[in-house]
Each structure stands twice: as structure tokens, then as C-alpha cells.
N, C-alpha and C. Protein backbone atom coordinates (compact mmCIF):
# COMPACT_ATOMS: atom_id res chain seq x y z
N GLU A 1 -51.77 27.60 -68.82
CA GLU A 1 -51.89 27.70 -67.36
C GLU A 1 -52.50 29.05 -67.01
N GLN A 2 -53.49 29.03 -66.11
CA GLN A 2 -54.14 30.27 -65.72
C GLN A 2 -53.37 30.95 -64.60
N GLN A 3 -53.50 32.26 -64.56
CA GLN A 3 -52.85 33.03 -63.51
C GLN A 3 -53.65 32.93 -62.21
N PRO A 4 -52.97 32.93 -61.06
CA PRO A 4 -53.71 32.90 -59.79
C PRO A 4 -54.68 34.07 -59.69
N GLY A 5 -55.89 33.78 -59.21
CA GLY A 5 -56.89 34.82 -59.03
C GLY A 5 -57.80 35.04 -60.22
N THR A 6 -57.51 34.39 -61.35
CA THR A 6 -58.37 34.55 -62.51
C THR A 6 -59.49 33.51 -62.44
N PRO A 7 -60.64 33.80 -63.06
CA PRO A 7 -61.75 32.83 -63.03
C PRO A 7 -61.38 31.54 -63.76
N LEU A 8 -62.05 30.48 -63.38
CA LEU A 8 -61.88 29.21 -64.07
C LEU A 8 -62.42 29.31 -65.49
N SER A 9 -61.89 28.49 -66.36
CA SER A 9 -62.45 28.40 -67.71
C SER A 9 -63.79 27.68 -67.63
N ASP A 10 -64.57 27.72 -68.71
CA ASP A 10 -65.85 27.01 -68.73
C ASP A 10 -65.66 25.52 -68.44
N GLN A 11 -64.64 24.92 -69.04
CA GLN A 11 -64.37 23.49 -68.82
C GLN A 11 -63.97 23.24 -67.36
N ASP A 12 -63.15 24.14 -66.80
CA ASP A 12 -62.74 23.98 -65.41
C ASP A 12 -63.95 24.07 -64.47
N TYR A 13 -64.87 24.99 -64.76
CA TYR A 13 -66.07 25.10 -63.94
C TYR A 13 -66.91 23.83 -64.00
N ARG A 14 -67.06 23.27 -65.20
CA ARG A 14 -67.84 22.02 -65.34
C ARG A 14 -67.21 20.91 -64.50
N GLN A 15 -65.89 20.80 -64.57
CA GLN A 15 -65.21 19.75 -63.81
C GLN A 15 -65.34 20.00 -62.30
N PHE A 16 -65.19 21.26 -61.89
CA PHE A 16 -65.29 21.61 -60.48
C PHE A 16 -66.66 21.23 -59.91
N PHE A 17 -67.72 21.62 -60.60
CA PHE A 17 -69.06 21.34 -60.10
C PHE A 17 -69.43 19.88 -60.24
N MET A 18 -68.87 19.18 -61.23
CA MET A 18 -69.10 17.75 -61.35
C MET A 18 -68.54 17.03 -60.12
N LEU A 19 -67.35 17.44 -59.67
CA LEU A 19 -66.76 16.83 -58.48
C LEU A 19 -67.59 17.12 -57.24
N LEU A 20 -68.13 18.33 -57.14
CA LEU A 20 -68.99 18.66 -56.00
C LEU A 20 -70.26 17.82 -56.01
N GLN A 21 -70.82 17.60 -57.19
CA GLN A 21 -72.03 16.79 -57.28
C GLN A 21 -71.75 15.35 -56.88
N VAL A 22 -70.59 14.82 -57.28
CA VAL A 22 -70.23 13.46 -56.91
C VAL A 22 -70.11 13.36 -55.39
N ALA A 23 -69.44 14.35 -54.76
CA ALA A 23 -69.29 14.33 -53.31
C ALA A 23 -70.65 14.42 -52.63
N HIS A 24 -71.54 15.25 -53.16
CA HIS A 24 -72.89 15.39 -52.58
C HIS A 24 -73.66 14.08 -52.69
N ARG A 25 -73.59 13.44 -53.84
CA ARG A 25 -74.29 12.15 -54.01
C ARG A 25 -73.72 11.09 -53.09
N THR A 26 -72.41 11.11 -52.91
CA THR A 26 -71.77 10.13 -52.03
C THR A 26 -72.20 10.34 -50.60
N ARG A 27 -72.23 11.58 -50.14
CA ARG A 27 -72.69 11.87 -48.78
C ARG A 27 -74.15 11.46 -48.61
N THR A 28 -74.97 11.69 -49.63
CA THR A 28 -76.37 11.30 -49.56
C THR A 28 -76.50 9.79 -49.44
N ALA A 29 -75.73 9.04 -50.21
CA ALA A 29 -75.76 7.58 -50.12
C ALA A 29 -75.34 7.11 -48.73
N CYS A 30 -74.34 7.77 -48.16
CA CYS A 30 -73.89 7.41 -46.81
C CYS A 30 -74.97 7.72 -45.78
N LEU A 31 -75.65 8.84 -45.94
CA LEU A 31 -76.73 9.18 -45.01
C LEU A 31 -77.85 8.14 -45.09
N LEU A 32 -78.21 7.72 -46.30
CA LEU A 32 -79.22 6.67 -46.46
C LEU A 32 -78.78 5.38 -45.76
N ARG A 33 -77.52 5.05 -45.90
CA ARG A 33 -76.98 3.83 -45.28
C ARG A 33 -77.09 3.91 -43.76
N VAL A 34 -76.75 5.07 -43.20
CA VAL A 34 -76.81 5.24 -41.75
C VAL A 34 -78.26 5.23 -41.26
N LEU A 35 -79.14 5.91 -41.98
CA LEU A 35 -80.54 6.01 -41.55
C LEU A 35 -81.31 4.71 -41.70
N TYR A 36 -81.08 3.99 -42.81
CA TYR A 36 -81.94 2.85 -43.13
C TYR A 36 -81.24 1.50 -43.10
N GLY A 37 -79.91 1.48 -43.05
CA GLY A 37 -79.18 0.22 -42.98
C GLY A 37 -78.97 -0.43 -44.34
N CYS A 38 -78.16 -1.44 -44.34
CA CYS A 38 -77.76 -2.10 -45.58
C CYS A 38 -78.86 -2.94 -46.20
N GLN A 39 -79.91 -3.25 -45.44
CA GLN A 39 -80.99 -4.08 -45.99
C GLN A 39 -82.03 -3.24 -46.74
N ASN A 40 -81.91 -1.93 -46.69
CA ASN A 40 -82.84 -1.06 -47.41
C ASN A 40 -82.70 -1.29 -48.91
N PRO A 41 -83.81 -1.42 -49.63
CA PRO A 41 -83.74 -1.71 -51.07
C PRO A 41 -82.94 -0.68 -51.87
N LEU A 42 -83.04 0.61 -51.53
CA LEU A 42 -82.28 1.62 -52.26
C LEU A 42 -80.78 1.48 -51.99
N VAL A 43 -80.43 1.23 -50.73
CA VAL A 43 -79.01 1.04 -50.38
C VAL A 43 -78.48 -0.20 -51.09
N GLN A 44 -79.27 -1.27 -51.11
CA GLN A 44 -78.83 -2.48 -51.80
C GLN A 44 -78.67 -2.24 -53.30
N ARG A 45 -79.55 -1.44 -53.87
CA ARG A 45 -79.42 -1.13 -55.30
C ARG A 45 -78.13 -0.36 -55.57
N LEU A 46 -77.79 0.58 -54.67
CA LEU A 46 -76.53 1.33 -54.83
C LEU A 46 -75.33 0.39 -54.69
N ASP A 47 -75.40 -0.54 -53.71
CA ASP A 47 -74.30 -1.49 -53.52
C ASP A 47 -74.13 -2.39 -54.74
N LYS A 48 -75.25 -2.83 -55.29
CA LYS A 48 -75.19 -3.67 -56.50
C LYS A 48 -74.62 -2.88 -57.67
N TYR A 49 -75.03 -1.64 -57.80
CA TYR A 49 -74.51 -0.80 -58.88
C TYR A 49 -72.99 -0.66 -58.77
N GLU A 50 -72.51 -0.45 -57.55
CA GLU A 50 -71.07 -0.31 -57.33
C GLU A 50 -70.31 -1.59 -57.65
N ASN A 51 -70.96 -2.73 -57.49
CA ASN A 51 -70.29 -4.04 -57.63
C ASN A 51 -70.78 -4.83 -58.84
N HIS A 52 -71.15 -4.14 -59.89
CA HIS A 52 -71.56 -4.77 -61.15
C HIS A 52 -72.68 -5.77 -60.96
N GLY A 53 -73.67 -5.41 -60.13
CA GLY A 53 -74.89 -6.20 -60.02
C GLY A 53 -74.96 -7.21 -58.90
N VAL A 54 -73.87 -7.39 -58.14
CA VAL A 54 -73.87 -8.38 -57.06
C VAL A 54 -73.21 -7.77 -55.82
N ILE A 55 -73.89 -7.88 -54.68
CA ILE A 55 -73.28 -7.44 -53.43
C ILE A 55 -72.36 -8.57 -52.95
N PRO A 56 -71.06 -8.27 -52.75
CA PRO A 56 -70.14 -9.34 -52.32
C PRO A 56 -70.59 -9.97 -51.01
N LYS A 57 -70.50 -11.28 -50.93
CA LYS A 57 -70.86 -12.00 -49.71
C LYS A 57 -69.58 -12.36 -48.96
N GLY A 58 -69.73 -12.48 -47.65
CA GLY A 58 -68.60 -12.90 -46.83
C GLY A 58 -67.62 -11.78 -46.55
N PRO A 59 -66.46 -12.14 -46.03
CA PRO A 59 -65.45 -11.15 -45.64
C PRO A 59 -64.94 -10.34 -46.84
N ILE A 60 -64.57 -9.11 -46.55
CA ILE A 60 -64.05 -8.20 -47.56
C ILE A 60 -62.61 -7.86 -47.22
N CYS A 61 -61.74 -8.01 -48.17
CA CYS A 61 -60.35 -7.59 -48.02
C CYS A 61 -60.17 -6.32 -48.83
N SER A 62 -59.62 -5.30 -48.21
CA SER A 62 -59.46 -4.02 -48.89
C SER A 62 -57.98 -3.72 -49.11
N GLU A 63 -57.75 -2.64 -49.84
CA GLU A 63 -56.38 -2.19 -50.10
C GLU A 63 -55.87 -1.29 -48.98
N LEU A 64 -56.58 -1.23 -47.86
CA LEU A 64 -56.20 -0.35 -46.76
C LEU A 64 -55.07 -0.94 -45.94
N PRO A 65 -53.97 -0.23 -45.81
CA PRO A 65 -52.94 -0.72 -44.89
C PRO A 65 -53.43 -0.55 -43.45
N GLY A 66 -53.30 -1.57 -42.64
CA GLY A 66 -53.71 -1.49 -41.24
C GLY A 66 -55.16 -1.86 -40.99
N THR A 67 -56.03 -1.77 -41.98
CA THR A 67 -57.43 -2.15 -41.84
C THR A 67 -57.84 -2.94 -43.09
N PRO A 68 -57.22 -4.08 -43.30
CA PRO A 68 -57.46 -4.78 -44.56
C PRO A 68 -58.69 -5.68 -44.59
N PHE A 69 -59.33 -5.93 -43.43
CA PHE A 69 -60.35 -6.97 -43.35
C PHE A 69 -61.64 -6.41 -42.76
N PHE A 70 -62.76 -6.74 -43.39
CA PHE A 70 -64.09 -6.37 -42.89
C PHE A 70 -64.96 -7.62 -42.97
N PRO A 71 -65.86 -7.82 -42.01
CA PRO A 71 -66.66 -9.06 -42.02
C PRO A 71 -67.63 -9.16 -43.19
N ASP A 72 -68.05 -8.01 -43.75
CA ASP A 72 -68.96 -8.03 -44.88
C ASP A 72 -68.92 -6.68 -45.61
N PHE A 73 -69.60 -6.62 -46.75
CA PHE A 73 -69.57 -5.39 -47.55
C PHE A 73 -70.23 -4.23 -46.82
N CYS A 74 -71.26 -4.52 -46.03
CA CYS A 74 -71.93 -3.48 -45.27
C CYS A 74 -70.96 -2.81 -44.30
N SER A 75 -70.19 -3.58 -43.57
CA SER A 75 -69.19 -3.01 -42.64
C SER A 75 -68.16 -2.18 -43.38
N PHE A 76 -67.72 -2.69 -44.51
CA PHE A 76 -66.76 -1.97 -45.34
C PHE A 76 -67.34 -0.63 -45.79
N SER A 77 -68.59 -0.63 -46.22
CA SER A 77 -69.24 0.60 -46.68
C SER A 77 -69.43 1.59 -45.54
N PHE A 78 -69.83 1.10 -44.36
CA PHE A 78 -69.94 1.99 -43.20
C PHE A 78 -68.59 2.61 -42.86
N TYR A 79 -67.54 1.83 -42.94
CA TYR A 79 -66.19 2.35 -42.67
C TYR A 79 -65.86 3.49 -43.63
N ARG A 80 -66.12 3.27 -44.91
CA ARG A 80 -65.84 4.32 -45.90
C ARG A 80 -66.65 5.57 -45.59
N CYS A 81 -67.90 5.40 -45.21
CA CYS A 81 -68.74 6.56 -44.93
C CYS A 81 -68.26 7.32 -43.69
N THR A 82 -67.99 6.59 -42.62
CA THR A 82 -67.62 7.27 -41.37
C THR A 82 -66.25 7.92 -41.45
N THR A 83 -65.35 7.37 -42.25
CA THR A 83 -64.02 7.97 -42.38
C THR A 83 -63.91 8.91 -43.58
N LYS A 84 -64.99 9.00 -44.38
CA LYS A 84 -65.03 9.83 -45.58
C LYS A 84 -63.92 9.44 -46.56
N ARG A 85 -63.62 8.17 -46.62
CA ARG A 85 -62.67 7.63 -47.58
C ARG A 85 -63.48 6.84 -48.61
N TYR A 86 -64.23 7.60 -49.40
CA TYR A 86 -65.26 7.02 -50.27
C TYR A 86 -64.74 6.13 -51.39
N PHE A 87 -63.53 6.35 -51.83
CA PHE A 87 -63.07 5.68 -53.03
C PHE A 87 -62.10 4.55 -52.76
N ILE A 88 -62.11 4.04 -51.54
CA ILE A 88 -61.30 2.85 -51.22
C ILE A 88 -61.92 1.66 -51.92
N LYS A 89 -61.09 0.84 -52.53
CA LYS A 89 -61.60 -0.32 -53.27
C LYS A 89 -61.45 -1.59 -52.48
N VAL A 90 -62.29 -2.56 -52.84
CA VAL A 90 -62.25 -3.89 -52.24
C VAL A 90 -61.09 -4.65 -52.81
């Protein structure tokens, strides 16, 4: 365990910046979604990547208490972006 105020180890720095890069990429994907919509080919490619090659059709049920239902994956993704709850699963 490191003492408070000491620099991170090399491994800790790698993990710290990896998390920042993930957050940056996620914000970028959300910005693309807002600017171009869910029908944009790049946004669709990201959605397919997230869902093992297929964008779910129809209503989406999530693990969210109080907001369990979305009319489609696009609405679900917009919700995650606007609330910054990026890692909510379907």
C-alpha cells in the first residue's frame, strides 16, 4: 500500500490513464450520437460492436430501477449518454 501523497507506481499510472482514455472515447461516442443520430454508419458500427454484431430491435429492458424500459436501443443509448451512466447494461 502506498502512502498518501506519494506518486503512483508505473502500473498504477497505466491503469489511471487507461480509465481516462476509456472515458474520453465514451464521451466522443456520445457526442457522435448526439450530432449525427443513431442512423449514422459510425454510430451503428459502435452499437453493433457493443452488442456482438447486432443492434437489438424493439423495446429494451435495462437493469435500471425506476427506468427499466426504453422503446429501442437508440433511446437507451441516448439515456446513458445524457445521464453519463455509460456502463448500464441491457
